[in-house]
Every structure is written in C-alpha cells, then in structure tokens.
Amino acid sequence: MEFQLVDLIFSGMDLFTKMTKAIYAFSGDPITYGHIDIIKRAAHVFEEVIIGIGVNPAKNYTFSLDERTEMARISLQDVSNIIVTPFEGLLVDYAYEQGASVIVKGVRDSKDFDYERTLHHVGDSQNLGIDTHILFARPELAHVSSSAVKEIQNHQGDIHEYVPLYVKQCLEERISGQYLIGVSGEIGAGKSHVSNRFVELGAEYGVNVYNIELDHVAHDILGNLKEPGYETVRENIERTFGRSVRRPDGTIDRKVLGGLVFGEPDKLAKLNELMYSPIQVRFRKALYGKQGLILVNSALLAESDGGYLSNNNVVLVYVDEESQYRRLIERGYSFDQTQRRIHSQYDYKTKYGLLNHVIERDKQGKIWSIQNSDGAPDNNIRAVFETVLAELRVK
C-alpha cells in the first residue's frame, strides 16, 4: 500500500510547532477508540480541536444527534483542549466559520486515503484556505469502526475493547434492548437470593429480568457440554492439574479441583486463564435473544476486573459475620472450613474499593449496596431494584 503524501497539501504548517486550531468531524454513531485515538493525537498537535458531530441526510443513524454528541463528550472528558459540538452543512464552511484553518482526518487504509484525498480537493475548491492534516490509524485500531462495533453487538459479541463502557452500555440498550448489572458480594452474602428477588420483582413491575450465574456457566463447562471446544478445555485442565480432577465420564470433579487451587494463587490464576475464553463464549450465548434487565451474578467481579461485563454497574451485597458463618455452616462446611473460605476471599470493603477504582478509571459505573444479613427487611432489595430501574432507565 503506497500513500502519495505529496498529493495532500500541508502549506504553511510547521509540524514541530503546536498549531492553533483544527477541526475533526465525524458522525460518531457511535464514537470508538479509533476516533478517540485520532482526536487525542490531534489535541497533542493543535492548541484547540473542535470535534464536530455531523449530520448526513443520506445516512440512517442508530443514535440521535444529541445522543451522539453526548457519547462523544463523555468519552472525551479527559481531553482538556477540545470542544464537542454538533454541526450541519459543508465541513469546510463550518471550519471557516469556527476559525479553524485545518481539518484533521483519520485514515485506516488506502481506500480511506483515496476517499479523504478526494474530499480534500473538493474542500480546496471552495477557496476558503482550509487545509487537511492526515493521521494514520494505529495498526491495532485499524479494524475498529462504528459499523463493525454495531454489527458485533448485534451478534452479542464483546465490544469493550472497541468503545468506552458508557458507549457500550448505550449500544446494548439501543441494539439489543439489554440493561446489564453485576451482582456480587462475599461468600454467604446471599447473591443468589438477591438475584432471585430481582427476578420476582421484575415480574411484579412488568420488567423482564434474567439471572446469569457465571458460577453455573463454569459448572456447565466443567461438566458435560459436548462441543469439542469444551472437551479441549477439560483436557487442558486435566493436563495442568493431574488425572485426579477428571471423572471416568470425562467431567471435571469440581471438589477435587477446588482442593488443588484453593489457597494457591498461581494455580488459581492458571485455572482462570484456562476458563476465561469458554466462559466468555457461554456468557455471550446466554445473552443472545434476551431483552430487559440482565443480572451478571459472580462473586469475583471485583477480583477479576470483570466489571466491564456490566459496564461497572454492580449491586454489591453485604452481610454481617454472624449471618455469614451460619449460612456456610448450614451448607455443610465445618467452622474451620468456613473460616478459611471467608478469610481467603476479599471482604465487602475491599470489593467495594476495587469496583470504585475501576469506576473512577473508566469514568463509568455505579455501585448499589444491599444489606442482606439475617433479619434484614426485604424492602432493602426492593428499594435498590427500583433505583436500578430508574437510574438505568430500564424500559
């Protein structure tokens, strides 16, 4: 692929001096990490960059102009020298009106380059003195586009590496009719009880609520799923942890496996590595075709940095120690086993801190806490359920 850079005119530009004002225009339906990278690089070159969210009458947009503008503003909130604004009409006219002498363009391949070269010549023909500044997409982002993201979401694929989590949340709502929240907490906190009550409350409020327990997803993979990919996973677990973990019927003995990795961080990390991809595939299959509020139920959302699955929106269940011990002993654990299990896992405060950290890092998400100790009023759960519906605008 040969780019003829001489065909683009950079008259009057000193590329080693920060220039005054430029404009970067795109439809942003939705904004992606590809767009964001170009914008941040442009912001490093120019003192001010106007981000124009355009309107093309020939296009059918997934999001309204206001929605596209809002997604861009939220996604770019950490870039100080930009202004995000909608516009209509010819781009060179808008650039002229805004006092921007340069239009920034992002190019992924030779096809993009030829297209943008044509647009440059068309704009140049208007004799407004507006020049073009080309930035080539980084190789790792060259495949990222708004249309690709929407197509992936349409098939319940993973898009968190394509778009910021706020945009991911908007796409899930608009394309799939899904509102995802995590449900997490310490062992014995009552995550399943809270999730089941959400399902019941959904029926009461006329909202579809689905509970996807990632532990059960993992159990299915370790069990008797017949697809060759899952058989390979079980073989790899046997190869890694020894024959004792494999039953005669080919399934994995979870109790034996748990005994081998319990309290062994390196072994647990290896198991998580083996299980990551199959769990993701089964999770996506579980999402397919569901519309409504979807609960991602997992004890380890915080520890595994898995908050992105629910866009860092998490119901965190907490419980007092007395209730926690009683519940685990009722499950058949001895006092010593209960104590070891509780002390081997992150407590509520630590989980909250980890989740809050990723919310601040990603500038997206919310934690709703539920007190679920013995004797706690059921209204605790109802109140949080109503708050979730309101804040996520669940329809």
Protein backbone atom coordinates (compact mmCIF):
# COMPACT_ATOMS: atom_id res chain seq x y z
CA MET A 1 0.00 0.00 0.00
CA GLU A 2 1.60 3.27 -1.17
CA PHE A 3 0.34 6.55 0.16
CA GLN A 4 1.16 9.55 -2.03
CA LEU A 5 1.55 12.11 0.69
CA VAL A 6 2.61 14.76 -1.83
CA ASP A 7 -0.97 14.82 -3.06
CA LEU A 8 -2.01 16.35 0.24
CA ILE A 9 -1.01 19.95 0.78
CA PHE A 10 0.38 20.96 4.16
CA SER A 11 1.19 24.55 3.17
CA GLY A 12 2.21 26.85 5.96
CA MET A 13 2.42 24.06 8.58
CA ASP A 14 5.34 23.68 10.88
CA LEU A 15 4.74 20.16 12.16
CA PHE A 16 7.18 20.70 15.01
CA THR A 17 5.29 23.67 16.41
CA LYS A 18 1.95 23.36 18.11
CA MET A 19 -0.62 24.89 15.78
CA THR A 20 -3.62 26.97 16.75
CA LYS A 21 -6.99 25.49 15.84
CA ALA A 22 -8.24 22.47 13.90
CA ILE A 23 -11.49 20.62 13.42
CA TYR A 24 -12.11 16.88 13.42
CA ALA A 25 -15.53 15.91 12.12
CA PHE A 26 -17.28 12.55 12.13
CA SER A 27 -20.75 11.12 12.60
CA GLY A 28 -19.90 9.38 15.91
CA ASP A 29 -22.58 6.72 15.51
CA PRO A 30 -21.03 5.72 17.88
CA ILE A 31 -17.62 7.11 18.80
CA THR A 32 -14.96 4.35 19.04
CA TYR A 33 -11.46 4.01 20.43
CA GLY A 34 -10.24 4.55 16.86
CA HIS A 35 -11.83 8.01 16.81
CA ILE A 36 -10.61 8.75 20.32
CA ASP A 37 -7.01 7.92 19.44
CA ILE A 38 -7.06 10.25 16.41
CA ILE A 39 -8.63 13.02 18.50
CA LYS A 40 -6.07 12.71 21.31
CA ARG A 41 -3.20 12.78 18.83
CA ALA A 42 -4.69 15.84 17.15
CA ALA A 43 -5.11 17.52 20.54
CA HIS A 44 -1.39 16.99 21.10
CA VAL A 45 -0.59 18.87 17.87
CA PHE A 46 -3.12 21.70 17.99
CA GLU A 47 -3.87 24.17 20.75
CA GLU A 48 -7.59 23.66 20.23
CA VAL A 49 -9.54 20.98 18.39
CA ILE A 50 -13.22 21.33 17.60
CA ILE A 51 -14.94 17.94 17.48
CA GLY A 52 -17.80 18.31 15.05
CA ILE A 53 -20.57 15.72 15.18
CA GLY A 54 -22.03 15.88 11.72
CA VAL A 55 -25.37 15.21 10.07
CA ASN A 56 -25.56 13.43 6.74
CA PRO A 57 -29.13 13.38 5.37
CA ALA A 58 -28.27 10.26 3.36
CA LYS A 59 -27.45 8.23 6.49
CA ASN A 60 -29.78 6.34 8.81
CA TYR A 61 -28.31 6.84 12.27
CA THR A 62 -28.62 4.44 15.19
CA PHE A 63 -28.42 7.34 17.66
CA SER A 64 -29.85 10.85 17.51
CA LEU A 65 -27.57 13.85 17.06
CA ASP A 66 -27.93 14.74 20.75
CA GLU A 67 -27.11 11.17 21.78
CA ARG A 68 -24.06 11.02 19.51
CA THR A 69 -22.84 14.35 20.84
CA GLU A 70 -23.33 13.23 24.46
CA MET A 71 -21.45 9.96 23.88
CA ALA A 72 -18.54 11.90 22.40
CA ARG A 73 -18.48 14.42 25.26
CA ILE A 74 -18.47 11.71 27.91
CA SER A 75 -15.84 9.65 26.08
CA LEU A 76 -13.53 12.67 25.67
CA GLN A 77 -13.99 14.29 29.07
CA ASP A 78 -10.32 13.81 29.96
CA VAL A 79 -9.09 15.81 26.93
CA SER A 80 -8.92 19.44 28.00
CA ASN A 81 -8.30 21.33 24.75
CA ILE A 82 -11.29 20.14 22.73
CA ILE A 83 -14.85 21.32 22.20
CA VAL A 84 -17.53 18.83 21.15
CA THR A 85 -20.36 20.34 19.16
CA PRO A 86 -22.91 19.24 16.54
CA PHE A 87 -22.92 20.84 13.11
CA GLU A 88 -24.71 20.69 9.77
CA GLY A 89 -23.67 21.60 6.26
CA LEU A 90 -20.39 21.61 4.37
CA LEU A 91 -17.43 20.84 6.60
CA VAL A 92 -15.10 23.46 5.09
CA ASP A 93 -17.78 26.11 5.63
CA TYR A 94 -18.11 25.08 9.26
CA ALA A 95 -14.33 25.09 9.70
CA TYR A 96 -14.15 28.59 8.18
CA GLU A 97 -16.89 29.90 10.48
CA GLN A 98 -15.13 28.46 13.53
CA GLY A 99 -11.76 29.94 12.58
CA ALA A 100 -10.16 26.54 12.07
CA SER A 101 -7.60 26.50 9.29
CA VAL A 102 -7.08 22.74 9.30
CA ILE A 103 -9.34 19.71 9.03
CA VAL A 104 -7.95 16.57 10.71
CA LYS A 105 -8.68 13.24 9.06
CA GLY A 106 -8.08 9.72 10.32
CA VAL A 107 -7.10 7.13 7.72
CA ARG A 108 -7.12 3.34 8.19
CA ASP A 109 -6.14 2.07 4.74
CA SER A 110 -5.55 3.04 1.09
CA LYS A 111 -9.30 3.15 0.41
CA ASP A 112 -9.78 5.68 3.23
CA PHE A 113 -6.79 7.63 1.95
CA ASP A 114 -8.14 7.92 -1.60
CA TYR A 115 -11.54 8.96 -0.27
CA GLU A 116 -10.09 11.64 2.01
CA ARG A 117 -7.82 12.92 -0.76
CA THR A 118 -10.88 13.45 -2.94
CA LEU A 119 -12.67 15.27 -0.12
CA HIS A 120 -9.61 17.44 0.40
CA HIS A 121 -9.61 18.51 -3.24
CA VAL A 122 -13.36 19.18 -3.11
CA GLY A 123 -12.92 21.31 0.01
CA ASP A 124 -9.93 23.08 -1.51
CA SER A 125 -12.08 24.02 -4.50
CA GLN A 126 -14.19 26.22 -2.21
CA ASN A 127 -11.21 28.58 -1.89
CA LEU A 128 -11.51 29.08 1.85
CA GLY A 129 -7.88 28.31 2.68
CA ILE A 130 -8.75 25.19 4.70
CA ASP A 131 -6.03 22.55 4.67
CA THR A 132 -6.01 18.84 5.60
CA HIS A 133 -3.96 17.08 8.27
CA ILE A 134 -3.81 13.30 7.91
CA LEU A 135 -3.29 10.96 10.86
CA PHE A 136 -2.91 7.28 10.11
CA ALA A 137 -4.71 4.80 12.35
CA ARG A 138 -2.53 2.75 14.63
CA PRO A 139 -2.29 -0.86 13.38
CA GLU A 140 -4.01 -2.21 16.48
CA LEU A 141 -7.01 0.06 15.82
CA ALA A 142 -7.20 -0.18 12.03
CA HIS A 143 -10.06 -2.72 12.21
CA VAL A 144 -12.19 -0.60 14.55
CA SER A 145 -15.15 1.21 13.03
CA SER A 146 -18.62 2.30 14.14
CA SER A 147 -20.30 -0.10 11.73
CA ALA A 148 -18.15 -3.02 12.90
CA VAL A 149 -18.99 -2.29 16.55
CA LYS A 150 -22.71 -2.26 15.83
CA GLU A 151 -22.51 -5.49 13.88
CA ILE A 152 -20.59 -7.20 16.69
CA GLN A 153 -23.15 -6.01 19.26
CA ASN A 154 -25.94 -7.24 17.03
CA HIS A 155 -24.47 -10.73 17.45
CA GLN A 156 -23.77 -10.29 21.20
CA GLY A 157 -20.02 -10.08 20.67
CA ASP A 158 -17.55 -8.44 23.05
CA ILE A 159 -17.11 -4.74 22.24
CA HIS A 160 -15.44 -3.41 25.38
CA GLU A 161 -12.11 -3.08 23.53
CA TYR A 162 -13.80 -1.13 20.72
CA VAL A 163 -15.68 1.54 22.66
CA PRO A 164 -15.72 3.13 26.14
CA LEU A 165 -18.07 1.46 28.61
CA TYR A 166 -20.63 4.25 28.51
CA VAL A 167 -20.90 3.77 24.74
CA LYS A 168 -21.04 0.00 25.20
CA GLN A 169 -23.95 0.48 27.59
CA CYS A 170 -25.75 2.70 25.05
CA LEU A 171 -25.24 0.13 22.28
CA GLU A 172 -26.52 -2.73 24.43
CA GLU A 173 -29.64 -0.74 25.22
CA ARG A 174 -30.31 0.54 21.70
CA ILE A 175 -29.40 -2.52 19.61
CA SER A 176 -30.14 -5.41 21.99
CA GLY A 177 -32.64 -3.93 24.44
CA GLN A 178 -30.39 -5.05 27.31
CA TYR A 179 -29.50 -3.40 30.62
CA LEU A 180 -26.68 -5.28 32.35
CA ILE A 181 -25.83 -5.06 36.03
CA GLY A 182 -23.45 -7.17 38.10
CA VAL A 183 -24.46 -8.85 41.34
CA SER A 184 -21.55 -9.62 43.64
CA GLY A 185 -20.54 -9.97 47.26
CA GLU A 186 -18.74 -12.17 49.76
CA ILE A 187 -19.40 -15.87 50.08
CA GLY A 188 -22.60 -16.37 52.04
CA ALA A 189 -23.81 -12.82 51.43
CA GLY A 190 -26.90 -14.02 49.59
CA LYS A 191 -26.19 -13.04 45.98
CA SER A 192 -28.48 -15.75 44.63
CA HIS A 193 -31.28 -14.69 46.97
CA VAL A 194 -30.99 -11.07 45.85
CA SER A 195 -30.89 -12.13 42.20
CA ASN A 196 -33.94 -14.33 42.59
CA ARG A 197 -35.82 -11.50 44.29
CA PHE A 198 -34.92 -9.20 41.39
CA VAL A 199 -36.44 -11.75 39.00
CA GLU A 200 -39.61 -11.88 41.15
CA LEU A 201 -39.77 -8.08 41.39
CA GLY A 202 -39.36 -7.85 37.64
CA ALA A 203 -42.50 -9.92 37.18
CA GLU A 204 -44.28 -7.61 39.63
CA TYR A 205 -43.14 -4.44 37.85
CA GLY A 206 -43.60 -5.79 34.32
CA VAL A 207 -39.87 -5.90 33.54
CA ASN A 208 -38.08 -8.93 32.11
CA VAL A 209 -35.22 -9.86 34.47
CA TYR A 210 -32.73 -12.63 33.70
CA ASN A 211 -30.19 -14.06 36.13
CA ILE A 212 -26.97 -15.35 34.55
CA GLU A 213 -24.83 -17.01 37.23
CA LEU A 214 -21.26 -17.21 35.98
CA ASP A 215 -20.55 -19.98 38.51
CA HIS A 216 -23.22 -22.09 36.80
CA VAL A 217 -21.75 -21.22 33.41
CA ALA A 218 -18.38 -22.52 34.63
CA HIS A 219 -20.02 -25.65 36.07
CA ASP A 220 -21.52 -26.42 32.65
CA ILE A 221 -18.10 -26.11 31.01
CA LEU A 222 -16.52 -28.42 33.58
CA GLY A 223 -19.49 -30.77 33.21
CA ASN A 224 -20.77 -32.49 30.13
CA LEU A 225 -21.05 -29.88 27.38
CA LYS A 226 -20.42 -31.94 24.27
CA GLU A 227 -18.89 -29.40 21.90
CA PRO A 228 -15.24 -30.16 21.00
CA GLY A 229 -14.05 -26.80 22.33
CA TYR A 230 -15.22 -27.60 25.86
CA GLU A 231 -13.82 -31.10 25.70
CA THR A 232 -10.46 -29.48 24.92
CA VAL A 233 -10.84 -27.20 27.94
CA ARG A 234 -11.40 -30.23 30.20
CA GLU A 235 -8.41 -32.00 28.68
CA ASN A 236 -6.23 -28.94 29.31
CA ILE A 237 -7.40 -28.80 32.94
CA GLU A 238 -6.54 -32.49 33.39
CA ARG A 239 -3.16 -31.93 31.75
CA THR A 240 -2.45 -28.97 34.03
CA PHE A 241 -3.74 -30.29 37.36
CA GLY A 242 -3.45 -34.05 37.01
CA ARG A 243 -5.68 -37.05 36.33
CA SER A 244 -7.33 -36.89 39.73
CA VAL A 245 -9.51 -33.95 38.61
CA ARG A 246 -11.15 -35.95 35.80
CA ARG A 247 -14.02 -38.33 36.45
CA PRO A 248 -14.45 -41.53 34.42
CA ASP A 249 -17.28 -39.89 32.45
CA GLY A 250 -14.93 -37.11 31.33
CA THR A 251 -16.31 -34.34 33.51
CA ILE A 252 -14.20 -32.39 35.98
CA ASP A 253 -14.58 -33.12 39.68
CA ARG A 254 -15.04 -29.59 41.00
CA LYS A 255 -14.41 -30.60 44.60
CA VAL A 256 -11.03 -32.15 43.77
CA LEU A 257 -10.10 -29.24 41.53
CA GLY A 258 -11.13 -26.75 44.18
CA GLY A 259 -8.98 -28.51 46.73
CA LEU A 260 -5.96 -28.16 44.45
CA VAL A 261 -6.36 -24.45 43.67
CA PHE A 262 -7.84 -23.28 46.99
CA GLY A 263 -5.28 -21.03 48.70
CA GLU A 264 -2.87 -21.39 45.76
CA PRO A 265 -2.89 -18.07 43.84
CA ASP A 266 -0.65 -19.30 40.99
CA LYS A 267 -2.76 -22.39 40.37
CA LEU A 268 -5.97 -20.38 40.61
CA ALA A 269 -4.62 -17.88 38.10
CA LYS A 270 -3.80 -20.73 35.70
CA LEU A 271 -7.31 -22.15 36.08
CA ASN A 272 -8.84 -18.73 35.45
CA GLU A 273 -6.71 -18.42 32.33
CA LEU A 274 -7.97 -21.77 31.01
CA MET A 275 -11.58 -20.88 31.77
CA TYR A 276 -11.64 -17.27 30.59
CA SER A 277 -12.44 -17.78 26.90
CA PRO A 278 -15.00 -20.57 27.29
CA ILE A 279 -16.84 -18.61 29.99
CA GLN A 280 -16.94 -15.56 27.70
CA VAL A 281 -18.39 -17.64 24.86
CA ARG A 282 -21.05 -19.24 27.06
CA PHE A 283 -21.88 -15.87 28.63
CA ARG A 284 -22.47 -14.36 25.19
CA LYS A 285 -24.67 -17.30 24.24
CA ALA A 286 -26.65 -16.79 27.44
CA LEU A 287 -27.25 -13.14 26.47
CA TYR A 288 -28.49 -13.91 22.99
CA GLY A 289 -32.12 -13.04 22.39
CA LYS A 290 -32.79 -11.67 25.89
CA GLN A 291 -34.27 -8.21 26.36
CA GLY A 292 -34.63 -6.48 29.71
CA LEU A 293 -32.59 -6.28 32.90
CA ILE A 294 -29.81 -8.87 32.88
CA LEU A 295 -28.01 -9.82 36.09
CA VAL A 296 -24.37 -10.89 35.80
CA ASN A 297 -24.07 -12.87 39.01
CA SER A 298 -20.48 -13.53 40.11
CA ALA A 299 -18.61 -13.50 43.41
CA LEU A 300 -15.40 -12.43 41.67
CA LEU A 301 -16.39 -9.44 39.55
CA ALA A 302 -14.12 -7.13 41.52
CA GLU A 303 -11.16 -9.52 41.85
CA SER A 304 -11.17 -10.50 38.18
CA ASP A 305 -11.62 -6.93 36.88
CA GLY A 306 -14.83 -8.23 35.34
CA GLY A 307 -16.89 -5.12 35.96
CA TYR A 308 -16.77 -4.30 32.26
CA LEU A 309 -19.26 -7.12 31.64
CA SER A 310 -21.93 -4.96 33.29
CA ASN A 311 -20.33 -1.59 32.43
CA ASN A 312 -19.17 -1.27 36.06
CA ASN A 313 -22.79 -1.16 37.24
CA VAL A 314 -22.85 -3.52 40.22
CA VAL A 315 -25.20 -4.45 43.04
CA LEU A 316 -22.87 -5.30 45.92
CA VAL A 317 -24.41 -7.45 48.66
CA TYR A 318 -23.02 -7.30 52.18
CA VAL A 319 -23.70 -9.37 55.27
CA ASP A 320 -22.66 -9.39 58.90
CA GLU A 321 -20.19 -12.04 60.08
CA GLU A 322 -22.67 -13.93 62.24
CA SER A 323 -25.09 -14.43 59.35
CA GLN A 324 -22.24 -15.35 57.02
CA TYR A 325 -20.87 -18.08 59.33
CA ARG A 326 -24.31 -19.50 59.99
CA ARG A 327 -25.16 -19.78 56.29
CA LEU A 328 -21.91 -21.52 55.38
CA ILE A 329 -22.16 -23.98 58.27
CA GLU A 330 -25.71 -24.78 57.15
CA ARG A 331 -24.24 -25.64 53.74
CA GLY A 332 -22.20 -28.37 55.40
CA TYR A 333 -18.87 -26.63 55.98
CA SER A 334 -17.13 -27.05 59.32
CA PHE A 335 -16.27 -23.98 61.37
CA ASP A 336 -12.61 -24.20 60.27
CA GLN A 337 -13.58 -24.63 56.61
CA THR A 338 -15.93 -21.68 56.87
CA GLN A 339 -13.26 -19.52 58.44
CA ARG A 340 -10.71 -20.46 55.78
CA ARG A 341 -13.10 -19.73 52.94
CA ILE A 342 -14.14 -16.36 54.34
CA HIS A 343 -10.59 -15.26 55.04
CA SER A 344 -9.31 -16.43 51.64
CA GLN A 345 -11.64 -14.05 49.79
CA TYR A 346 -11.91 -10.29 49.58
CA ASP A 347 -14.32 -8.77 52.06
CA TYR A 348 -17.05 -6.28 51.20
CA LYS A 349 -14.88 -3.23 51.86
CA THR A 350 -12.08 -4.48 49.59
CA LYS A 351 -14.52 -5.43 46.82
CA TYR A 352 -16.14 -2.01 47.06
CA GLY A 353 -12.75 -0.31 46.84
CA LEU A 354 -11.73 -2.29 43.76
CA LEU A 355 -15.02 -1.64 41.99
CA ASN A 356 -14.90 2.05 42.87
CA HIS A 357 -11.35 2.23 41.49
CA VAL A 358 -12.39 0.90 38.07
CA ILE A 359 -15.41 3.21 38.03
CA GLU A 360 -13.07 6.17 38.54
CA ARG A 361 -10.60 4.77 35.99
CA ASP A 362 -13.25 4.16 33.33
CA LYS A 363 -15.38 7.18 34.28
CA GLN A 364 -18.39 4.91 34.13
CA GLY A 365 -20.47 2.84 36.51
CA LYS A 366 -22.37 2.79 39.78
CA ILE A 367 -22.39 0.64 42.93
CA TRP A 368 -25.68 -0.09 44.69
CA SER A 369 -25.25 -1.72 48.11
CA ILE A 370 -27.75 -4.09 49.71
CA GLN A 371 -27.64 -5.11 53.37
CA ASN A 372 -28.69 -8.77 53.39
CA SER A 373 -27.89 -10.03 56.88
CA ASP A 374 -30.32 -12.31 58.68
CA GLY A 375 -33.43 -10.35 59.55
CA ALA A 376 -32.75 -7.55 57.02
CA PRO A 377 -36.04 -6.21 55.62
CA ASP A 378 -36.98 -7.30 52.12
CA ASN A 379 -37.58 -3.64 51.37
CA ASN A 380 -33.78 -3.25 51.16
CA ILE A 381 -33.85 -5.30 47.96
CA ARG A 382 -36.99 -3.66 46.59
CA ALA A 383 -35.57 -0.16 47.11
CA VAL A 384 -32.37 -0.97 45.21
CA PHE A 385 -34.37 -2.67 42.44
CA GLU A 386 -36.49 0.44 41.96
CA THR A 387 -33.37 2.63 41.98
CA VAL A 388 -31.68 0.47 39.33
CA LEU A 389 -34.74 0.69 37.07
CA ALA A 390 -34.85 4.46 37.45
CA GLU A 391 -31.14 5.19 37.04
CA LEU A 392 -30.64 2.88 34.05
CA ARG A 393 -33.98 3.97 32.57
CA VAL A 394 -34.97 0.36 32.09
CA LYS A 395 -37.95 0.06 29.78
